[in-house]
Amino acid sequence: MQKQTVAFSRDSSNLFFHILTKCNLSCTHCYINTEQHGTNTLDIETIKTWLNLFSDKAATTNLIYLGGEPTLHPDLSLAVKSAKKIGFKSITIDTNGYLFHDILNKISSNDIDFLSFSLDGATRKTNDAIRGEGSFDKVMDGLQKAGNRHFLCSMIYTVSDKNIHELKLMPKLVSGLGIKRFFIQVIGMRGASSGAKKYLQVSRDSWLEIIPQVAASIADQGIAVTYPKVFLNREEIFECAGNVAQNYFVFPNGRVYQCPICEDFSLHSYIIKENRLIPMPKINESDLFSLTIAEGCVMNKIIQPQNLSYDKNGMPEYRIACCMLKEEIFK
């Protein structure tokens, strides 16, 4: 059977399950906001119950365990086995590489589809300046250990002004790591340090010059690459994943979002209360998905308008694409 993981395409269904918000690192671009997402760690019985809230669509839904750092959860292995029993389409663990609680010895490559490692620099110096001292070596070590145990691995690279200069070095680096998928992410203006992140954003010219080229170079190695297009030409059609896909971002305090850009605000579509999935009253994020504006993504226009540029007539020079619908290259 072909193993799968999170899909950023039309008609896809993904469940991003944050089972805790605690983390051993303090990455400069972290999107967790404990005031909005909570500080609690879900116990295993709650995790099982909340998984079952989405069980009717499990066969077509990719499940991604997140944190904070999900391997800090002492019962992550039990959470994985519970999801496997329910029958989710795929199961992925996103990790910073530290692989706490001996997780690789508590689950097997048959239990999950992918381990996805976060790395934000092609060199130790750049990555560790963003993610924390020693984190580069932990990812390299974790990848080797996971590969030795036959886990399929992927990598996530969150692009910012601090590391875009090293993205061109990544094709050479990943060639010897044995990864099967490579995800490029754009830094988002959300999380506890969202105000400072505007200084980390990459210009449109830099993005268009570097990202597609690097993505193609990595894909040439037989690695599947997924990256956000971000900038659409005026004539390109804009689609919102809230209308054409099913994405659920579940946090330990019970909030369930459909759009990650909204996660700093109480605009969530659902709330899990007394172990029931309850739609939120108007107005919430879902009421904004159908709005059509010249700038493309409504959420971007409201929350991070610094991504936009206008001509002398006041018209946007380009549109911002939905962050949940991305380019995928398979060679």
Protein backbone atom coordinates (compact mmCIF):
# COMPACT_ATOMS: atom_id res chain seq x y z
CA MET A 1 0.00 0.00 0.00
CA GLN A 2 1.24 3.48 -0.91
CA LYS A 3 1.81 5.45 2.29
CA GLN A 4 0.34 8.94 2.46
CA THR A 5 0.47 12.01 4.61
CA VAL A 6 -1.10 15.48 4.82
CA ALA A 7 -2.46 16.69 1.48
CA PHE A 8 -2.80 20.35 0.52
CA SER A 9 -5.11 19.95 -2.44
CA ARG A 10 -8.69 20.36 -3.53
CA ASP A 11 -11.03 17.78 -1.92
CA SER A 12 -8.42 16.74 0.65
CA SER A 13 -9.30 16.09 4.29
CA ASN A 14 -6.80 16.64 7.11
CA LEU A 15 -7.06 16.56 10.90
CA PHE A 16 -4.26 18.54 12.59
CA PHE A 17 -4.47 17.36 16.20
CA HIS A 18 -2.51 19.39 18.77
CA ILE A 19 -2.47 17.03 21.74
CA LEU A 20 -0.48 19.52 23.86
CA THR A 21 1.11 22.93 23.45
CA LYS A 22 4.23 22.26 25.55
CA CYS A 23 7.56 22.24 23.71
CA ASN A 24 11.24 21.96 24.65
CA LEU A 25 12.20 24.58 22.04
CA SER A 26 11.31 28.25 21.52
CA CYS A 27 11.42 28.70 17.75
CA THR A 28 11.30 32.29 16.52
CA HIS A 29 8.42 31.50 14.15
CA CYS A 30 6.33 29.30 16.48
CA TYR A 31 2.59 29.76 15.86
CA ILE A 32 1.40 28.45 19.23
CA ASN A 33 -0.40 31.08 21.30
CA THR A 34 -1.19 29.63 24.72
CA GLU A 35 -3.71 32.40 25.47
CA GLN A 36 -5.74 31.16 22.50
CA HIS A 37 -4.79 27.47 22.41
CA GLY A 38 -4.46 26.56 26.08
CA THR A 39 -1.61 25.08 28.09
CA ASN A 40 -3.06 21.71 29.01
CA THR A 41 -1.95 18.30 27.84
CA LEU A 42 -4.84 16.08 26.77
CA ASP A 43 -5.00 12.75 28.57
CA ILE A 44 -5.14 9.61 26.45
CA GLU A 45 -8.83 8.96 27.09
CA THR A 46 -9.71 12.46 25.89
CA ILE A 47 -7.53 11.99 22.81
CA LYS A 48 -9.36 8.75 21.99
CA THR A 49 -12.75 10.39 22.49
CA TRP A 50 -11.88 13.41 20.34
CA LEU A 51 -10.51 11.18 17.57
CA ASN A 52 -13.86 9.44 17.47
CA LEU A 53 -15.58 12.77 16.83
CA PHE A 54 -14.01 12.58 13.34
CA SER A 55 -14.29 8.80 12.89
CA ASP A 56 -17.08 8.95 10.30
CA LYS A 57 -14.60 10.51 7.85
CA ALA A 58 -11.51 8.70 9.10
CA ALA A 59 -11.06 6.56 5.99
CA THR A 60 -10.57 9.69 3.87
CA THR A 61 -8.79 11.87 6.44
CA ASN A 62 -5.06 12.32 7.02
CA LEU A 63 -4.27 12.66 10.73
CA ILE A 64 -1.27 14.71 11.85
CA TYR A 65 -0.20 14.68 15.50
CA LEU A 66 1.22 18.05 16.56
CA GLY A 67 2.16 20.05 19.63
CA GLY A 68 4.07 21.87 20.84
CA GLU A 69 6.24 18.81 20.47
CA PRO A 70 3.98 15.73 20.28
CA THR A 71 6.67 13.27 21.37
CA LEU A 72 6.67 15.03 24.76
CA HIS A 73 3.29 13.38 25.32
CA PRO A 74 3.92 10.21 27.36
CA ASP A 75 1.03 8.40 25.67
CA LEU A 76 1.69 9.36 22.06
CA SER A 77 2.22 5.71 21.16
CA LEU A 78 -1.22 4.85 22.53
CA ALA A 79 -2.72 7.78 20.61
CA VAL A 80 -1.13 6.45 17.41
CA LYS A 81 -2.48 2.95 17.98
CA SER A 82 -5.96 4.32 18.73
CA ALA A 83 -5.96 6.28 15.47
CA LYS A 84 -4.76 3.20 13.62
CA LYS A 85 -7.64 1.19 15.08
CA ILE A 86 -10.18 3.83 14.03
CA GLY A 87 -8.84 3.62 10.48
CA PHE A 88 -7.55 7.05 9.48
CA LYS A 89 -6.32 7.28 5.90
CA SER A 90 -2.82 8.16 7.10
CA ILE A 91 -1.07 9.01 10.37
CA THR A 92 1.84 11.44 10.59
CA ILE A 93 3.83 12.73 13.57
CA ASP A 94 5.41 16.18 13.20
CA THR A 95 8.52 16.38 15.39
CA ASN A 96 11.48 18.61 16.16
CA GLY A 97 13.72 15.55 16.20
CA TYR A 98 14.22 15.01 19.91
CA LEU A 99 11.89 11.98 19.86
CA PHE A 100 11.09 11.91 23.57
CA HIS A 101 9.75 8.97 25.57
CA ASP A 102 11.61 6.46 23.42
CA ILE A 103 8.84 6.81 20.82
CA LEU A 104 10.68 4.93 18.06
CA ASN A 105 10.73 1.81 20.23
CA LYS A 106 7.05 2.12 21.20
CA ILE A 107 5.65 2.29 17.66
CA SER A 108 6.69 0.71 14.39
CA SER A 109 6.74 1.84 10.78
CA ASN A 110 3.51 -0.12 10.37
CA ASP A 111 1.75 2.11 12.90
CA ILE A 112 2.35 5.44 11.15
CA ASP A 113 2.83 6.59 7.58
CA PHE A 114 5.39 9.35 8.12
CA LEU A 115 7.61 11.01 10.69
CA SER A 116 8.00 14.63 9.63
CA PHE A 117 11.07 16.49 10.92
CA SER A 118 11.32 20.27 11.13
CA LEU A 119 14.59 21.81 9.93
CA ASP A 120 14.98 25.52 9.23
CA GLY A 121 18.50 25.84 7.89
CA ALA A 122 20.94 23.91 5.74
CA THR A 123 23.65 24.62 8.30
CA ARG A 124 23.82 24.14 12.04
CA LYS A 125 24.40 27.87 12.60
CA THR A 126 21.29 29.07 10.78
CA ASN A 127 18.93 26.35 11.98
CA ASP A 128 19.97 26.58 15.61
CA ALA A 129 19.66 30.39 15.62
CA ILE A 130 15.99 29.89 14.70
CA ARG A 131 15.07 26.69 16.53
CA GLY A 132 17.52 26.41 19.41
CA GLU A 133 21.05 25.21 20.07
CA GLY A 134 21.58 21.54 19.26
CA SER A 135 18.37 21.14 17.25
CA PHE A 136 20.16 20.64 13.90
CA ASP A 137 22.09 17.67 15.26
CA LYS A 138 18.96 16.24 16.86
CA VAL A 139 17.16 16.24 13.50
CA MET A 140 20.09 14.57 11.76
CA ASP A 141 20.35 11.96 14.50
CA GLY A 142 16.59 11.42 14.59
CA LEU A 143 16.40 10.94 10.84
CA GLN A 144 19.11 8.30 10.98
CA LYS A 145 17.48 6.44 13.85
CA ALA A 146 14.07 6.55 12.17
CA GLY A 147 15.50 5.37 8.86
CA ASN A 148 17.28 2.49 10.55
CA ARG A 149 13.88 1.39 11.89
CA HIS A 150 12.30 1.70 8.41
CA PHE A 151 10.10 4.71 9.17
CA LEU A 152 9.28 6.87 6.16
CA CYS A 153 10.45 10.42 6.84
CA SER A 154 9.63 13.86 5.50
CA MET A 155 11.02 17.31 6.24
CA ILE A 156 9.43 20.71 6.85
CA TYR A 157 11.34 23.93 6.10
CA THR A 158 9.62 27.14 7.22
CA VAL A 159 10.98 29.95 5.05
CA SER A 160 11.76 33.34 6.58
CA ASP A 161 14.16 36.19 5.96
CA LYS A 162 16.55 34.44 8.35
CA ASN A 163 16.95 31.27 6.29
CA ILE A 164 15.82 31.75 2.69
CA HIS A 165 19.46 32.26 1.69
CA GLU A 166 20.18 28.65 2.66
CA LEU A 167 17.26 27.08 0.84
CA LYS A 168 19.42 26.68 -2.28
CA LEU A 169 21.71 24.44 -0.20
CA MET A 170 18.89 22.08 0.73
CA PRO A 171 18.88 19.92 -2.43
CA LYS A 172 22.42 18.81 -1.66
CA LEU A 173 21.68 18.27 2.03
CA VAL A 174 18.53 16.20 1.56
CA SER A 175 20.12 14.01 -1.12
CA GLY A 176 21.76 11.91 1.58
CA LEU A 177 19.00 11.90 4.20
CA GLY A 178 16.64 9.35 2.72
CA ILE A 179 13.53 11.51 3.07
CA LYS A 180 10.55 10.86 0.80
CA ARG A 181 8.76 14.21 1.05
CA PHE A 182 9.82 17.83 1.48
CA PHE A 183 7.42 20.56 2.65
CA ILE A 184 8.20 24.26 2.21
CA GLN A 185 6.16 26.54 4.45
CA VAL A 186 5.87 30.31 4.55
CA ILE A 187 6.17 32.03 7.91
CA GLY A 188 2.79 33.12 9.26
CA MET A 189 1.93 36.24 11.22
CA ARG A 190 0.53 34.33 14.16
CA GLY A 191 1.59 33.04 17.53
CA ALA A 192 2.80 34.76 20.67
CA SER A 193 5.48 36.73 18.79
CA SER A 194 3.37 37.59 15.75
CA GLY A 195 4.18 41.30 15.93
CA ALA A 196 7.88 40.68 15.47
CA LYS A 197 7.41 38.21 12.62
CA LYS A 198 6.67 40.88 10.04
CA TYR A 199 10.41 41.51 10.03
CA LEU A 200 11.00 37.87 9.07
CA GLN A 201 8.75 37.88 6.00
CA VAL A 202 10.25 37.20 2.60
CA SER A 203 9.64 39.60 -0.28
CA ARG A 204 7.56 38.54 -3.26
CA ASP A 205 10.55 38.84 -5.59
CA SER A 206 12.72 36.61 -3.40
CA TRP A 207 9.96 34.03 -3.02
CA LEU A 208 9.29 33.77 -6.75
CA GLU A 209 12.99 33.70 -7.60
CA ILE A 210 14.00 30.98 -5.15
CA ILE A 211 11.11 28.72 -4.08
CA PRO A 212 9.94 27.15 -7.38
CA GLN A 213 13.54 26.58 -8.48
CA VAL A 214 14.55 24.83 -5.26
CA ALA A 215 11.34 22.80 -5.21
CA ALA A 216 12.03 21.51 -8.72
CA SER A 217 15.64 20.69 -7.84
CA ILE A 218 14.61 18.61 -4.83
CA ALA A 219 11.82 16.91 -6.80
CA ASP A 220 14.39 15.88 -9.43
CA GLN A 221 15.85 13.58 -6.76
CA GLY A 222 12.60 11.64 -6.56
CA ILE A 223 11.44 13.46 -3.43
CA ALA A 224 7.83 14.68 -3.46
CA VAL A 225 7.77 18.44 -2.81
CA THR A 226 4.88 20.56 -1.56
CA TYR A 227 5.07 24.34 -1.33
CA PRO A 228 2.64 27.27 -1.12
CA LYS A 229 2.32 29.34 -4.26
CA VAL A 230 1.48 32.40 -2.11
CA PHE A 231 1.37 34.94 -4.94
CA LEU A 232 -1.20 34.61 -7.73
CA ASN A 233 -1.32 36.70 -10.85
CA ARG A 234 -4.48 38.76 -11.33
CA GLU A 235 -5.83 36.32 -13.92
CA GLU A 236 -5.26 33.21 -11.78
CA ILE A 237 -8.31 31.79 -10.02
CA PHE A 238 -8.37 32.05 -6.24
CA GLU A 239 -9.92 29.23 -4.24
CA CYS A 240 -10.35 29.00 -0.47
CA ALA A 241 -9.70 25.62 1.13
CA GLY A 242 -12.55 26.39 3.50
CA ASN A 243 -14.86 25.90 0.50
CA VAL A 244 -13.15 23.09 -1.43
CA ALA A 245 -11.36 20.99 1.23
CA GLN A 246 -11.85 19.81 4.80
CA ASN A 247 -9.19 20.85 7.30
CA TYR A 248 -9.61 20.78 11.06
CA PHE A 249 -7.06 22.25 13.49
CA VAL A 250 -7.84 20.91 16.96
CA PHE A 251 -6.28 22.49 20.06
CA PRO A 252 -6.14 21.20 23.66
CA ASN A 253 -8.62 23.83 24.90
CA GLY A 254 -11.24 22.43 22.51
CA ARG A 255 -11.10 25.08 19.80
CA VAL A 256 -11.37 23.71 16.27
CA TYR A 257 -10.36 25.96 13.38
CA GLN A 258 -10.62 25.42 9.65
CA CYS A 259 -8.18 28.17 8.64
CA PRO A 260 -4.76 28.37 10.36
CA ILE A 261 -4.47 32.13 9.80
CA CYS A 262 -7.35 32.63 12.24
CA GLU A 263 -5.74 30.77 15.12
CA ASP A 264 -4.77 33.91 17.07
CA PHE A 265 -8.43 34.89 17.32
CA SER A 266 -11.63 33.43 18.72
CA LEU A 267 -13.00 32.90 15.21
CA HIS A 268 -12.95 29.10 15.39
CA SER A 269 -15.65 27.20 13.52
CA TYR A 270 -16.25 24.61 16.26
CA ILE A 271 -15.70 23.99 19.94
CA ILE A 272 -15.35 20.61 21.61
CA LYS A 273 -17.40 20.83 24.78
CA GLU A 274 -18.27 17.87 26.97
CA ASN A 275 -16.71 15.71 24.25
CA ARG A 276 -19.13 16.97 21.61
CA LEU A 277 -18.17 18.85 18.43
CA ILE A 278 -20.36 21.97 18.46
CA PRO A 279 -20.57 24.59 15.66
CA MET A 280 -19.84 28.10 16.86
CA PRO A 281 -22.48 30.79 16.40
CA LYS A 282 -22.04 33.54 13.85
CA ILE A 283 -19.80 35.25 13.10
CA ASN A 284 -16.93 32.80 12.88
CA GLU A 285 -14.24 32.03 10.30
CA SER A 286 -16.56 29.88 8.15
CA ASP A 287 -18.71 32.93 7.41
CA LEU A 288 -15.73 34.58 5.75
CA PHE A 289 -14.73 31.73 3.42
CA SER A 290 -17.27 32.62 0.73
CA LEU A 291 -16.32 36.31 0.52
CA THR A 292 -14.76 37.30 -2.80
CA ILE A 293 -12.24 40.13 -2.82
CA ALA A 294 -9.73 41.34 -5.40
CA GLU A 295 -6.85 40.54 -3.04
CA GLY A 296 -7.66 36.79 -2.97
CA CYS A 297 -7.46 35.44 0.58
CA VAL A 298 -9.80 37.33 2.91
CA MET A 299 -7.94 36.17 6.02
CA ASN A 300 -4.66 37.49 4.65
CA LYS A 301 -6.24 40.86 3.87
CA ILE A 302 -7.58 41.14 7.41
CA ILE A 303 -4.72 39.70 9.44
CA GLN A 304 -1.50 40.12 7.44
CA PRO A 305 -2.13 42.80 4.79
CA GLN A 306 1.58 43.60 4.65
CA ASN A 307 1.79 40.76 2.07
CA LEU A 308 -0.13 42.91 -0.40
CA SER A 309 0.89 45.63 -2.85
CA TYR A 310 -1.31 48.00 -4.86
CA ASP A 311 -0.89 49.90 -8.13
CA LYS A 312 -1.48 53.62 -8.62
CA ASN A 313 -5.19 52.95 -9.24
CA GLY A 314 -5.58 51.20 -5.90
CA MET A 315 -5.86 47.73 -7.43
CA PRO A 316 -3.87 44.84 -5.96
CA GLU A 317 -0.87 43.98 -8.11
CA TYR A 318 -1.39 40.28 -7.34
CA ARG A 319 -3.57 37.98 -5.27
CA ILE A 320 -2.61 35.98 -2.20
CA ALA A 321 -3.31 32.27 -2.58
CA CYS A 322 -4.93 30.11 0.10
CA CYS A 323 -2.20 28.76 2.39
CA MET A 324 -3.92 25.36 2.52
CA LEU A 325 -3.93 24.78 -1.25
CA LYS A 326 -0.36 24.25 -2.45
CA GLU A 327 1.76 23.21 -5.39
CA GLU A 328 2.80 19.55 -5.38
CA ILE A 329 5.61 18.12 -7.49
CA PHE A 330 6.02 14.38 -7.97
CA LYS A 331 8.68 13.06 -10.37
